[in-house]
Amino acid sequence: MEEITRQRPDLQDALSLIENVKPVASPSLEGSNLEFDKARIELLIREKDEIIRMRRMWSITILVAIIGITVFDIIVITLLGIGLMRFSEGYIVPAFIAESLLKTLGLAAIVVNFLFDHKSLR
């Protein structure tokens, strides 16, 4: 899952380089440590912002997919109800409704497990 959330590897690579740099402890480098911490924090903030932006994009995409599935289901069920569409076998309509429900639940599971996973934003 980390590979999915890492959209820009250059940020992660830069962060790992910064973490591997060990400044020499001396009185003259006191300001340098502050700049080091500031750069590290800025990289972390940028990475978190990109994760949030990516999650917004995917949440809109999944919402559109769920709306599309629901509208298609409404149209098919309406056409079946008014008699413009007929199926000779009796199991097709319940299978269609069950399949659509499972798709919607699957997309909802993706939203809950990936888009709202707060562990990756800590």
PDB file of N, CA and C in Angstrom:
ATOM      1  N   MET A   1       0.822  -1.185   0.000  1.00  0.00           N
ATOM      2  CA  MET A   1       0.000   0.000   0.000  1.00  0.00           C
ATOM      3  C   MET A   1       0.865   1.246   0.000  1.00  0.00           C
ATOM      4  N   GLU A   2       2.081   1.150   0.511  1.00  0.00           N
ATOM      5  CA  GLU A   2       2.955   2.306   0.522  1.00  0.00           C
ATOM      6  C   GLU A   2       3.304   2.730  -0.896  1.00  0.00           C
ATOM      7  N   GLU A   3       3.449   1.745  -1.816  1.00  0.00           N
ATOM      8  CA  GLU A   3       3.772   2.084  -3.189  1.00  0.00           C
ATOM      9  C   GLU A   3       2.649   2.880  -3.829  1.00  0.00           C
ATOM     10  N   ILE A   4       1.414   2.619  -3.452  1.00  0.00           N
ATOM     11  CA  ILE A   4       0.283   3.331  -4.014  1.00  0.00           C
ATOM     12  C   ILE A   4       0.284   4.776  -3.527  1.00  0.00           C
ATOM     13  N   THR A   5       0.569   4.990  -2.252  1.00  0.00           N
ATOM     14  CA  THR A   5       0.499   6.335  -1.701  1.00  0.00           C
ATOM     15  C   THR A   5       1.717   7.169  -2.060  1.00  0.00           C
ATOM     16  N   ARG A   6       2.806   6.552  -2.480  1.00  0.00           N
ATOM     17  CA  ARG A   6       4.002   7.305  -2.864  1.00  0.00           C
ATOM     18  C   ARG A   6       3.890   7.685  -4.322  1.00  0.00           C
ATOM     19  N   GLN A   7       3.328   8.852  -4.565  1.00  0.00           N
ATOM     20  CA  GLN A   7       3.152   9.293  -5.935  1.00  0.00           C
ATOM     21  C   GLN A   7       4.434   9.920  -6.479  1.00  0.00           C
ATOM     22  N   ARG A   8       5.158  10.650  -5.650  1.00  0.00           N
ATOM     23  CA  ARG A   8       6.381  11.302  -6.087  1.00  0.00           C
ATOM     24  C   ARG A   8       7.550  10.727  -5.301  1.00  0.00           C
ATOM     25  N   PRO A   9       8.277   9.776  -5.896  1.00  0.00           N
ATOM     26  CA  PRO A   9       9.367   9.161  -5.144  1.00  0.00           C
ATOM     27  C   PRO A   9      10.484  10.132  -4.802  1.00  0.00           C
ATOM     28  N   ASP A  10      10.601  11.250  -5.517  1.00  0.00           N
ATOM     29  CA  ASP A  10      11.679  12.172  -5.216  1.00  0.00           C
ATOM     30  C   ASP A  10      11.538  12.775  -3.819  1.00  0.00           C
ATOM     31  N   LEU A  11      10.313  12.969  -3.333  1.00  0.00           N
ATOM     32  CA  LEU A  11      10.128  13.483  -1.974  1.00  0.00           C
ATOM     33  C   LEU A  11      10.597  12.467  -0.940  1.00  0.00           C
ATOM     34  N   GLN A  12      10.224  11.218  -1.137  1.00  0.00           N
ATOM     35  CA  GLN A  12      10.624  10.180  -0.188  1.00  0.00           C
ATOM     36  C   GLN A  12      12.133   9.972  -0.228  1.00  0.00           C
ATOM     37  N   ASP A  13      12.719  10.008  -1.435  1.00  0.00           N
ATOM     38  CA  ASP A  13      14.161   9.853  -1.546  1.00  0.00           C
ATOM     39  C   ASP A  13      14.890  11.012  -0.875  1.00  0.00           C
ATOM     40  N   ALA A  14      14.388  12.221  -1.084  1.00  0.00           N
ATOM     41  CA  ALA A  14      15.012  13.389  -0.452  1.00  0.00           C
ATOM     42  C   ALA A  14      14.906  13.304   1.061  1.00  0.00           C
ATOM     43  N   LEU A  15      13.748  12.845   1.537  1.00  0.00           N
ATOM     44  CA  LEU A  15      13.570  12.716   2.980  1.00  0.00           C
ATOM     45  C   LEU A  15      14.527  11.683   3.555  1.00  0.00           C
ATOM     46  N   SER A  16      14.707  10.561   2.860  1.00  0.00           N
ATOM     47  CA  SER A  16      15.631   9.541   3.375  1.00  0.00           C
ATOM     48  C   SER A  16      17.070  10.050   3.343  1.00  0.00           C
ATOM     49  N   LEU A  17      17.420  10.870   2.332  1.00  0.00           N
ATOM     50  CA  LEU A  17      18.761  11.449   2.318  1.00  0.00           C
ATOM     51  C   LEU A  17      18.964  12.389   3.494  1.00  0.00           C
ATOM     52  N   ILE A  18      17.939  13.202   3.774  1.00  0.00           N
ATOM     53  CA  ILE A  18      18.048  14.144   4.888  1.00  0.00           C
ATOM     54  C   ILE A  18      18.174  13.396   6.206  1.00  0.00           C
ATOM     55  N   GLU A  19      17.410  12.298   6.353  1.00  0.00           N
ATOM     56  CA  GLU A  19      17.467  11.543   7.601  1.00  0.00           C
ATOM     57  C   GLU A  19      18.827  10.886   7.796  1.00  0.00           C
ATOM     58  N   ASN A  20      19.515  10.547   6.690  1.00  0.00           N
ATOM     59  CA  ASN A  20      20.815   9.896   6.794  1.00  0.00           C
ATOM     60  C   ASN A  20      21.951  10.878   7.069  1.00  0.00           C
ATOM     61  N   VAL A  21      21.718  12.169   6.872  1.00  0.00           N
ATOM     62  CA  VAL A  21      22.747  13.170   7.140  1.00  0.00           C
ATOM     63  C   VAL A  21      22.813  13.405   8.647  1.00  0.00           C
ATOM     64  N   LYS A  22      23.982  13.226   9.198  1.00  0.00           N
ATOM     65  CA  LYS A  22      24.194  13.446  10.623  1.00  0.00           C
ATOM     66  C   LYS A  22      25.082  14.677  10.782  1.00  0.00           C
ATOM     67  N   PRO A  23      24.490  15.795  11.197  1.00  0.00           N
ATOM     68  CA  PRO A  23      25.317  16.982  11.376  1.00  0.00           C
ATOM     69  C   PRO A  23      26.289  16.802  12.535  1.00  0.00           C
ATOM     70  N   VAL A  24      27.435  17.405  12.395  1.00  0.00           N
ATOM     71  CA  VAL A  24      28.463  17.332  13.423  1.00  0.00           C
ATOM     72  C   VAL A  24      28.048  18.237  14.577  1.00  0.00           C
ATOM     73  N   ALA A  25      28.141  17.720  15.774  1.00  0.00           N
ATOM     74  CA  ALA A  25      27.760  18.507  16.947  1.00  0.00           C
ATOM     75  C   ALA A  25      28.859  19.497  17.272  1.00  0.00           C
ATOM     76  N   SER A  26      28.559  20.740  17.053  1.00  0.00           N
ATOM     77  CA  SER A  26      29.482  21.800  17.434  1.00  0.00           C
ATOM     78  C   SER A  26      28.687  23.069  17.636  1.00  0.00           C
ATOM     79  N   PRO A  27      29.195  23.996  18.415  1.00  0.00           N
ATOM     80  CA  PRO A  27      28.451  25.226  18.680  1.00  0.00           C
ATOM     81  C   PRO A  27      28.175  26.035  17.420  1.00  0.00           C
ATOM     82  N   SER A  28      29.031  25.942  16.403  1.00  0.00           N
ATOM     83  CA  SER A  28      28.846  26.744  15.198  1.00  0.00           C
ATOM     84  C   SER A  28      27.731  26.198  14.308  1.00  0.00           C
ATOM     85  N   LEU A  29      27.282  24.982  14.534  1.00  0.00           N
ATOM     86  CA  LEU A  29      26.247  24.381  13.689  1.00  0.00           C
ATOM     87  C   LEU A  29      24.860  24.446  14.319  1.00  0.00           C
ATOM     88  N   GLU A  30      24.674  25.234  15.340  1.00  0.00           N
ATOM     89  CA  GLU A  30      23.372  25.307  16.016  1.00  0.00           C
ATOM     90  C   GLU A  30      22.280  25.761  15.055  1.00  0.00           C
ATOM     91  N   GLY A  31      22.536  26.781  14.247  1.00  0.00           N
ATOM     92  CA  GLY A  31      21.561  27.246  13.255  1.00  0.00           C
ATOM     93  C   GLY A  31      21.350  26.225  12.152  1.00  0.00           C
ATOM     94  N   SER A  32      22.383  25.470  11.836  1.00  0.00           N
ATOM     95  CA  SER A  32      22.288  24.451  10.789  1.00  0.00           C
ATOM     96  C   SER A  32      21.317  23.348  11.193  1.00  0.00           C
ATOM     97  N   ASN A  33      21.301  22.974  12.465  1.00  0.00           N
ATOM     98  CA  ASN A  33      20.364  21.956  12.932  1.00  0.00           C
ATOM     99  C   ASN A  33      18.928  22.429  12.778  1.00  0.00           C
ATOM    100  N   LEU A  34      18.685  23.703  13.028  1.00  0.00           N
ATOM    101  CA  LEU A  34      17.341  24.248  12.858  1.00  0.00           C
ATOM    102  C   LEU A  34      16.919  24.210  11.395  1.00  0.00           C
ATOM    103  N   GLU A  35      17.840  24.537  10.491  1.00  0.00           N
ATOM    104  CA  GLU A  35      17.525  24.490   9.062  1.00  0.00           C
ATOM    105  C   GLU A  35      17.291  23.050   8.609  1.00  0.00           C
ATOM    106  N   PHE A  36      18.070  22.134   9.146  1.00  0.00           N
ATOM    107  CA  PHE A  36      17.889  20.716   8.840  1.00  0.00           C
ATOM    108  C   PHE A  36      16.494  20.259   9.251  1.00  0.00           C
ATOM    109  N   ASP A  37      16.084  20.609  10.464  1.00  0.00           N
ATOM    110  CA  ASP A  37      14.751  20.235  10.945  1.00  0.00           C
ATOM    111  C   ASP A  37      13.652  20.894  10.120  1.00  0.00           C
ATOM    112  N   LYS A  38      13.867  22.152   9.769  1.00  0.00           N
ATOM    113  CA  LYS A  38      12.878  22.877   8.970  1.00  0.00           C
ATOM    114  C   LYS A  38      12.710  22.225   7.594  1.00  0.00           C
ATOM    115  N   ALA A  39      13.818  21.875   6.942  1.00  0.00           N
ATOM    116  CA  ALA A  39      13.742  21.232   5.621  1.00  0.00           C
ATOM    117  C   ALA A  39      13.048  19.875   5.718  1.00  0.00           C
ATOM    118  N   ARG A  40      13.349  19.132   6.759  1.00  0.00           N
ATOM    119  CA  ARG A  40      12.724  17.811   6.950  1.00  0.00           C
ATOM    120  C   ARG A  40      11.218  17.949   7.150  1.00  0.00           C
ATOM    121  N   ILE A  41      10.809  18.917   7.964  1.00  0.00           N
ATOM    122  CA  ILE A  41       9.384  19.138   8.219  1.00  0.00           C
ATOM    123  C   ILE A  41       8.671  19.596   6.957  1.00  0.00           C
ATOM    124  N   GLU A  42       9.310  20.475   6.171  1.00  0.00           N
ATOM    125  CA  GLU A  42       8.694  20.930   4.925  1.00  0.00           C
ATOM    126  C   GLU A  42       8.482  19.778   3.958  1.00  0.00           C
ATOM    127  N   LEU A  43       9.450  18.863   3.872  1.00  0.00           N
ATOM    128  CA  LEU A  43       9.290  17.694   3.002  1.00  0.00           C
ATOM    129  C   LEU A  43       8.154  16.794   3.482  1.00  0.00           C
ATOM    130  N   LEU A  44       8.059  16.604   4.786  1.00  0.00           N
ATOM    131  CA  LEU A  44       6.968  15.791   5.329  1.00  0.00           C
ATOM    132  C   LEU A  44       5.608  16.420   5.031  1.00  0.00           C
ATOM    133  N   ILE A  45       5.515  17.725   5.178  1.00  0.00           N
ATOM    134  CA  ILE A  45       4.250  18.419   4.913  1.00  0.00           C
ATOM    135  C   ILE A  45       3.888  18.307   3.437  1.00  0.00           C
ATOM    136  N   ARG A  46       4.874  18.481   2.550  1.00  0.00           N
ATOM    137  CA  ARG A  46       4.595  18.355   1.115  1.00  0.00           C
ATOM    138  C   ARG A  46       4.121  16.957   0.750  1.00  0.00           C
ATOM    139  N   GLU A  47       4.748  15.951   1.345  1.00  0.00           N
ATOM    140  CA  GLU A  47       4.349  14.577   1.057  1.00  0.00           C
ATOM    141  C   GLU A  47       2.919  14.313   1.546  1.00  0.00           C
ATOM    142  N   LYS A  48       2.593  14.776   2.728  1.00  0.00           N
ATOM    143  CA  LYS A  48       1.232  14.596   3.261  1.00  0.00           C
ATOM    144  C   LYS A  48       0.216  15.327   2.396  1.00  0.00           C
ATOM    145  N   ASP A  49       0.554  16.532   1.932  1.00  0.00           N
ATOM    146  CA  ASP A  49      -0.352  17.283   1.056  1.00  0.00           C
ATOM    147  C   ASP A  49      -0.612  16.534  -0.241  1.00  0.00           C
ATOM    148  N   GLU A  50       0.412  15.911  -0.788  1.00  0.00           N
ATOM    149  CA  GLU A  50       0.227  15.153  -2.029  1.00  0.00           C
ATOM    150  C   GLU A  50      -0.633  13.910  -1.798  1.00  0.00           C
ATOM    151  N   ILE A  51      -0.466  13.269  -0.667  1.00  0.00           N
ATOM    152  CA  ILE A  51      -1.311  12.110  -0.350  1.00  0.00           C
ATOM    153  C   ILE A  51      -2.764  12.549  -0.231  1.00  0.00           C
ATOM    154  N   ILE A  52      -3.012  13.660   0.429  1.00  0.00           N
ATOM    155  CA  ILE A  52      -4.376  14.166   0.579  1.00  0.00           C
ATOM    156  C   ILE A  52      -4.960  14.539  -0.775  1.00  0.00           C
ATOM    157  N   ARG A  53      -4.160  15.177  -1.642  1.00  0.00           N
ATOM    158  CA  ARG A  53      -4.641  15.548  -2.977  1.00  0.00           C
ATOM    159  C   ARG A  53      -4.997  14.305  -3.797  1.00  0.00           C
ATOM    160  N   MET A  54      -4.151  13.279  -3.725  1.00  0.00           N
ATOM    161  CA  MET A  54      -4.417  12.052  -4.452  1.00  0.00           C
ATOM    162  C   MET A  54      -5.688  11.378  -3.923  1.00  0.00           C
ATOM    163  N   ARG A  55      -5.879  11.390  -2.630  1.00  0.00           N
ATOM    164  CA  ARG A  55      -7.073  10.775  -2.045  1.00  0.00           C
ATOM    165  C   ARG A  55      -8.333  11.525  -2.452  1.00  0.00           C
ATOM    166  N   ARG A  56      -8.247  12.852  -2.548  1.00  0.00           N
ATOM    167  CA  ARG A  56      -9.410  13.615  -3.022  1.00  0.00           C
ATOM    168  C   ARG A  56      -9.765  13.218  -4.447  1.00  0.00           C
ATOM    169  N   MET A  57      -8.747  13.095  -5.305  1.00  0.00           N
ATOM    170  CA  MET A  57      -8.985  12.714  -6.696  1.00  0.00           C
ATOM    171  C   MET A  57      -9.661  11.341  -6.777  1.00  0.00           C
ATOM    172  N   TRP A  58      -9.146  10.376  -6.034  1.00  0.00           N
ATOM    173  CA  TRP A  58      -9.722   9.037  -6.072  1.00  0.00           C
ATOM    174  C   TRP A  58     -11.099   8.991  -5.427  1.00  0.00           C
ATOM    175  N   SER A  59     -11.336   9.793  -4.405  1.00  0.00           N
ATOM    176  CA  SER A  59     -12.665   9.788  -3.794  1.00  0.00           C
ATOM    177  C   SER A  59     -13.705  10.315  -4.769  1.00  0.00           C
ATOM    178  N   ILE A  60     -13.360  11.322  -5.564  1.00  0.00           N
ATOM    179  CA  ILE A  60     -14.293  11.833  -6.575  1.00  0.00           C
ATOM    180  C   ILE A  60     -14.531  10.780  -7.650  1.00  0.00           C
ATOM    181  N   THR A  61     -13.475  10.103  -8.085  1.00  0.00           N
ATOM    182  CA  THR A  61     -13.606   9.055  -9.106  1.00  0.00           C
ATOM    183  C   THR A  61     -14.500   7.919  -8.618  1.00  0.00           C
ATOM    184  N   ILE A  62     -14.299   7.487  -7.392  1.00  0.00           N
ATOM    185  CA  ILE A  62     -15.108   6.393  -6.848  1.00  0.00           C
ATOM    186  C   ILE A  62     -16.550   6.847  -6.637  1.00  0.00           C
ATOM    187  N   LEU A  63     -16.754   8.082  -6.219  1.00  0.00           N
ATOM    188  CA  LEU A  63     -18.113   8.607  -6.062  1.00  0.00           C
ATOM    189  C   LEU A  63     -18.847   8.615  -7.399  1.00  0.00           C
ATOM    190  N   VAL A  64     -18.166   9.033  -8.464  1.00  0.00           N
ATOM    191  CA  VAL A  64     -18.781   9.030  -9.796  1.00  0.00           C
ATOM    192  C   VAL A  64     -19.116   7.590 -10.221  1.00  0.00           C
ATOM    193  N   ALA A  65     -18.242   6.644  -9.928  1.00  0.00           N
ATOM    194  CA  ALA A  65     -18.520   5.240 -10.264  1.00  0.00           C
ATOM    195  C   ALA A  65     -19.735   4.720  -9.503  1.00  0.00           C
ATOM    196  N   ILE A  66     -19.844   5.034  -8.225  1.00  0.00           N
ATOM    197  CA  ILE A  66     -20.994   4.587  -7.434  1.00  0.00           C
ATOM    198  C   ILE A  66     -22.278   5.223  -7.956  1.00  0.00           C
ATOM    199  N   ILE A  67     -22.229   6.511  -8.302  1.00  0.00           N
ATOM    200  CA  ILE A  67     -23.414   7.174  -8.854  1.00  0.00           C
ATOM    201  C   ILE A  67     -23.798   6.546 -10.180  1.00  0.00           C
ATOM    202  N   GLY A  68     -22.811   6.240 -11.028  1.00  0.00           N
ATOM    203  CA  GLY A  68     -23.093   5.600 -12.312  1.00  0.00           C
ATOM    204  C   GLY A  68     -23.745   4.232 -12.148  1.00  0.00           C
ATOM    205  N   ILE A  69     -23.233   3.433 -11.238  1.00  0.00           N
ATOM    206  CA  ILE A  69     -23.810   2.111 -10.975  1.00  0.00           C
ATOM    207  C   ILE A  69     -25.253   2.255 -10.492  1.00  0.00           C
ATOM    208  N   THR A  70     -25.479   3.189  -9.581  1.00  0.00           N
ATOM    209  CA  THR A  70     -26.822   3.384  -9.020  1.00  0.00           C
ATOM    210  C   THR A  70     -27.807   3.867 -10.077  1.00  0.00           C
ATOM    211  N   VAL A  71     -27.401   4.822 -10.910  1.00  0.00           N
ATOM    212  CA  VAL A  71     -28.289   5.327 -11.971  1.00  0.00           C
ATOM    213  C   VAL A  71     -28.609   4.212 -12.963  1.00  0.00           C
ATOM    214  N   PHE A  72     -27.606   3.429 -13.344  1.00  0.00           N
ATOM    215  CA  PHE A  72     -27.845   2.311 -14.261  1.00  0.00           C
ATOM    216  C   PHE A  72     -28.813   1.305 -13.640  1.00  0.00           C
ATOM    217  N   ASP A  73     -28.651   1.004 -12.375  1.00  0.00           N
ATOM    218  CA  ASP A  73     -29.565   0.081 -11.690  1.00  0.00           C
ATOM    219  C   ASP A  73     -30.995   0.621 -11.685  1.00  0.00           C
ATOM    220  N   ILE A  74     -31.143   1.906 -11.413  1.00  0.00           N
ATOM    221  CA  ILE A  74     -32.480   2.518 -11.403  1.00  0.00           C
ATOM    222  C   ILE A  74     -33.123   2.425 -12.772  1.00  0.00           C
ATOM    223  N   ILE A  75     -32.359   2.689 -13.822  1.00  0.00           N
ATOM    224  CA  ILE A  75     -32.898   2.622 -15.183  1.00  0.00           C
ATOM    225  C   ILE A  75     -33.333   1.205 -15.523  1.00  0.00           C
ATOM    226  N   VAL A  76     -32.486   0.219 -15.236  1.00  0.00           N
ATOM    227  CA  VAL A  76     -32.828  -1.174 -15.555  1.00  0.00           C
ATOM    228  C   VAL A  76     -34.041  -1.630 -14.758  1.00  0.00           C
ATOM    229  N   ILE A  77     -34.093  -1.318 -13.473  1.00  0.00           N
ATOM    230  CA  ILE A  77     -35.225  -1.745 -12.645  1.00  0.00           C
ATOM    231  C   ILE A  77     -36.510  -1.049 -13.098  1.00  0.00           C
ATOM    232  N   THR A  78     -36.414   0.229 -13.492  1.00  0.00           N
ATOM    233  CA  THR A  78     -37.591   0.939 -14.004  1.00  0.00           C
ATOM    234  C   THR A  78     -38.079   0.314 -15.307  1.00  0.00           C
ATOM    235  N   LEU A  79     -37.156   0.004 -16.215  1.00  0.00           N
ATOM    236  CA  LEU A  79     -37.543  -0.634 -17.477  1.00  0.00           C
ATOM    237  C   LEU A  79     -38.161  -2.010 -17.237  1.00  0.00           C
ATOM    238  N   LEU A  80     -37.657  -2.742 -16.271  1.00  0.00           N
ATOM    239  CA  LEU A  80     -38.259  -4.030 -15.918  1.00  0.00           C
ATOM    240  C   LEU A  80     -39.656  -3.828 -15.332  1.00  0.00           C
ATOM    241  N   GLY A  81     -39.806  -2.816 -14.501  1.00  0.00           N
ATOM    242  CA  GLY A  81     -41.092  -2.581 -13.836  1.00  0.00           C
ATOM    243  C   GLY A  81     -42.189  -2.152 -14.783  1.00  0.00           C
ATOM    244  N   ILE A  82     -41.858  -1.336 -15.783  1.00  0.00           N
ATOM    245  CA  ILE A  82     -42.902  -0.892 -16.713  1.00  0.00           C
ATOM    246  C   ILE A  82     -43.071  -1.836 -17.893  1.00  0.00           C
ATOM    247  N   GLY A  83     -42.267  -2.886 -17.959  1.00  0.00           N
ATOM    248  CA  GLY A  83     -42.463  -3.923 -18.956  1.00  0.00           C
ATOM    249  C   GLY A  83     -41.715  -3.727 -20.260  1.00  0.00           C
ATOM    250  N   LEU A  84     -40.859  -2.737 -20.368  1.00  0.00           N
ATOM    251  CA  LEU A  84     -40.094  -2.536 -21.594  1.00  0.00           C
ATOM    252  C   LEU A  84     -38.904  -3.487 -21.707  1.00  0.00           C
ATOM    253  N   MET A  85     -38.506  -4.091 -20.625  1.00  0.00           N
ATOM    254  CA  MET A  85     -37.401  -5.053 -20.624  1.00  0.00           C
ATOM    255  C   MET A  85     -37.883  -6.305 -19.912  1.00  0.00           C
ATOM    256  N   ARG A  86     -37.600  -7.447 -20.500  1.00  0.00           N
ATOM    257  CA  ARG A  86     -38.019  -8.719 -19.911  1.00  0.00           C
ATOM    258  C   ARG A  86     -36.884  -9.731 -19.997  1.00  0.00           C
ATOM    259  N   PHE A  87     -36.817 -10.562 -18.970  1.00  0.00           N
ATOM    260  CA  PHE A  87     -35.866 -11.666 -18.964  1.00  0.00           C
ATOM    261  C   PHE A  87     -36.665 -12.961 -18.844  1.00  0.00           C
ATOM    262  N   SER A  88     -36.288 -13.938 -19.668  1.00  0.00           N
ATOM    263  CA  SER A  88     -37.042 -15.196 -19.656  1.00  0.00           C
ATOM    264  C   SER A  88     -36.742 -16.026 -18.398  1.00  0.00           C
ATOM    265  N   GLU A  89     -35.513 -15.965 -17.914  1.00  0.00           N
ATOM    266  CA  GLU A  89     -35.159 -16.711 -16.708  1.00  0.00           C
ATOM    267  C   GLU A  89     -35.456 -15.852 -15.482  1.00  0.00           C
ATOM    268  N   GLY A  90     -35.913 -16.476 -14.429  1.00  0.00           N
ATOM    269  CA  GLY A  90     -36.292 -15.744 -13.228  1.00  0.00           C
ATOM    270  C   GLY A  90     -35.134 -15.365 -12.318  1.00  0.00           C
ATOM    271  N   TYR A  91     -33.958 -15.929 -12.563  1.00  0.00           N
ATOM    272  CA  TYR A  91     -32.836 -15.665 -11.661  1.00  0.00           C
ATOM    273  C   TYR A  91     -31.975 -14.476 -12.107  1.00  0.00           C
ATOM    274  N   ILE A  92     -32.180 -13.948 -13.288  1.00  0.00           N
ATOM    275  CA  ILE A  92     -31.308 -12.895 -13.815  1.00  0.00           C
ATOM    276  C   ILE A  92     -31.480 -11.585 -13.045  1.00  0.00           C
ATOM    277  N   VAL A  93     -32.696 -11.185 -12.766  1.00  0.00           N
ATOM    278  CA  VAL A  93     -32.925  -9.912 -12.076  1.00  0.00           C
ATOM    279  C   VAL A  93     -32.357  -9.941 -10.656  1.00  0.00           C
ATOM    280  N   PRO A  94     -32.616 -10.967  -9.848  1.00  0.00           N
ATOM    281  CA  PRO A  94     -31.981 -10.992  -8.517  1.00  0.00           C
ATOM    282  C   PRO A  94     -30.452 -11.051  -8.589  1.00  0.00           C
ATOM    283  N   ALA A  95     -29.922 -11.760  -9.583  1.00  0.00           N
ATOM    284  CA  ALA A  95     -28.466 -11.814  -9.737  1.00  0.00           C
ATOM    285  C   ALA A  95     -27.915 -10.438 -10.114  1.00  0.00           C
ATOM    286  N   PHE A  96     -28.630  -9.718 -10.976  1.00  0.00           N
ATOM    287  CA  PHE A  96     -28.222  -8.367 -11.375  1.00  0.00           C
ATOM    288  C   PHE A  96     -28.207  -7.432 -10.173  1.00  0.00           C
ATOM    289  N   ILE A  97     -29.245  -7.480  -9.377  1.00  0.00           N
ATOM    290  CA  ILE A  97     -29.338  -6.604  -8.203  1.00  0.00           C
ATOM    291  C   ILE A  97     -28.250  -6.964  -7.182  1.00  0.00           C
ATOM    292  N   ALA A  98     -28.026  -8.248  -6.963  1.00  0.00           N
ATOM    293  CA  ALA A  98     -26.988  -8.671  -6.016  1.00  0.00           C
ATOM    294  C   ALA A  98     -25.599  -8.255  -6.501  1.00  0.00           C
ATOM    295  N   GLU A  99     -25.353  -8.393  -7.788  1.00  0.00           N
ATOM    296  CA  GLU A  99     -24.055  -8.027  -8.346  1.00  0.00           C
ATOM    297  C   GLU A  99     -23.807  -6.524  -8.214  1.00  0.00           C
ATOM    298  N   SER A 100     -24.815  -5.730  -8.469  1.00  0.00           N
ATOM    299  CA  SER A 100     -24.685  -4.280  -8.343  1.00  0.00           C
ATOM    300  C   SER A 100     -24.462  -3.872  -6.886  1.00  0.00           C
ATOM    301  N   LEU A 101     -25.162  -4.526  -5.979  1.00  0.00           N
ATOM    302  CA  LEU A 101     -24.974  -4.243  -4.558  1.00  0.00           C
ATOM    303  C   LEU A 101     -23.556  -4.599  -4.112  1.00  0.00           C
ATOM    304  N   LEU A 102     -23.043  -5.737  -4.583  1.00  0.00           N
ATOM    305  CA  LEU A 102     -21.685  -6.137  -4.214  1.00  0.00           C
ATOM    306  C   LEU A 102     -20.639  -5.174  -4.777  1.00  0.00           C
ATOM    307  N   LYS A 103     -20.853  -4.671  -6.000  1.00  0.00           N
ATOM    308  CA  LYS A 103     -19.927  -3.674  -6.559  1.00  0.00           C
ATOM    309  C   LYS A 103     -19.916  -2.408  -5.711  1.00  0.00           C
ATOM    310  N   THR A 104     -21.095  -1.963  -5.323  1.00  0.00           N
ATOM    311  CA  THR A 104     -21.187  -0.749  -4.509  1.00  0.00           C
ATOM    312  C   THR A 104     -20.534  -0.960  -3.151  1.00  0.00           C
ATOM    313  N   LEU A 105     -20.761  -2.095  -2.518  1.00  0.00           N
ATOM    314  CA  LEU A 105     -20.131  -2.390  -1.232  1.00  0.00           C
ATOM    315  C   LEU A 105     -18.614  -2.517  -1.364  1.00  0.00           C
ATOM    316  N   GLY A 106     -18.154  -3.091  -2.475  1.00  0.00           N
ATOM    317  CA  GLY A 106     -16.714  -3.195  -2.714  1.00  0.00           C
ATOM    318  C   GLY A 106     -16.064  -1.829  -2.840  1.00  0.00           C
ATOM    319  N   LEU A 107     -16.710  -0.931  -3.575  1.00  0.00           N
ATOM    320  CA  LEU A 107     -16.180   0.425  -3.698  1.00  0.00           C
ATOM    321  C   LEU A 107     -16.204   1.145  -2.346  1.00  0.00           C
ATOM    322  N   ALA A 108     -17.235   0.918  -1.564  1.00  0.00           N
ATOM    323  CA  ALA A 108     -17.296   1.523  -0.234  1.00  0.00           C
ATOM    324  C   ALA A 108     -16.167   0.992   0.655  1.00  0.00           C
ATOM    325  N   ALA A 109     -15.847  -0.298   0.524  1.00  0.00           N
ATOM    326  CA  ALA A 109     -14.738  -0.874   1.306  1.00  0.00           C
ATOM    327  C   ALA A 109     -13.413  -0.242   0.905  1.00  0.00           C
ATOM    328  N   ILE A 110     -13.232   0.035  -0.383  1.00  0.00           N
ATOM    329  CA  ILE A 110     -12.016   0.704  -0.840  1.00  0.00           C
ATOM    330  C   ILE A 110     -11.916   2.090  -0.219  1.00  0.00           C
ATOM    331  N   VAL A 111     -13.031   2.801  -0.215  1.00  0.00           N
ATOM    332  CA  VAL A 111     -13.038   4.151   0.356  1.00  0.00           C
ATOM    333  C   VAL A 111     -12.659   4.108   1.828  1.00  0.00           C
ATOM    334  N   VAL A 112     -13.264   3.218   2.568  1.00  0.00           N
ATOM    335  CA  VAL A 112     -13.006   3.162   4.010  1.00  0.00           C
ATOM    336  C   VAL A 112     -11.575   2.718   4.298  1.00  0.00           C
ATOM    337  N   ASN A 113     -11.086   1.710   3.603  1.00  0.00           N
ATOM    338  CA  ASN A 113      -9.766   1.161   3.917  1.00  0.00           C
ATOM    339  C   ASN A 113      -8.604   1.980   3.375  1.00  0.00           C
ATOM    340  N   PHE A 114      -8.787   2.635   2.240  1.00  0.00           N
ATOM    341  CA  PHE A 114      -7.660   3.347   1.635  1.00  0.00           C
ATOM    342  C   PHE A 114      -7.755   4.852   1.804  1.00  0.00           C
ATOM    343  N   LEU A 115      -8.865   5.424   1.407  1.00  0.00           N
ATOM    344  CA  LEU A 115      -8.963   6.871   1.405  1.00  0.00           C
ATOM    345  C   LEU A 115      -9.025   7.468   2.803  1.00  0.00           C
ATOM    346  N   PHE A 116      -9.571   6.726   3.762  1.00  0.00           N
ATOM    347  CA  PHE A 116      -9.691   7.256   5.119  1.00  0.00           C
ATOM    348  C   PHE A 116      -8.782   6.528   6.098  1.00  0.00           C
ATOM    349  N   ASP A 117      -7.676   5.990   5.605  1.00  0.00           N
ATOM    350  CA  ASP A 117      -6.688   5.336   6.453  1.00  0.00           C
ATOM    351  C   ASP A 117      -5.818   6.410   7.088  1.00  0.00           C
ATOM    352  N   HIS A 118      -6.061   6.707   8.341  1.00  0.00           N
ATOM    353  CA  HIS A 118      -5.358   7.793   9.015  1.00  0.00           C
ATOM    354  C   HIS A 118      -3.967   7.390   9.470  1.00  0.00           C
ATOM    355  N   LYS A 119      -3.637   6.110   9.468  1.00  0.00           N
ATOM    356  CA  LYS A 119      -2.312   5.677   9.899  1.00  0.00           C
ATOM    357  C   LYS A 119      -1.232   6.219   8.973  1.00  0.00           C
ATOM    358  N   SER A 120      -1.525   6.308   7.647  1.00  0.00           N
ATOM    359  CA  SER A 120      -0.508   6.776   6.715  1.00  0.00           C
ATOM    360  C   SER A 120      -0.329   8.283   6.764  1.00  0.00           C
ATOM    361  N   LEU A 121      -1.191   8.995   7.454  1.00  0.00           N
ATOM    362  CA  LEU A 121      -1.064  10.441   7.554  1.00  0.00           C
ATOM    363  C   LEU A 121      -0.468  10.884   8.874  1.00  0.00           C
ATOM    364  N   ARG A 122      -0.008   9.973   9.687  1.00  0.00           N
ATOM    365  CA  ARG A 122       0.589  10.339  10.980  1.00  0.00           C
ATOM    366  C   ARG A 122       2.062  10.546  10.852  1.00  0.00           C
TER     367      ARG A 122
END
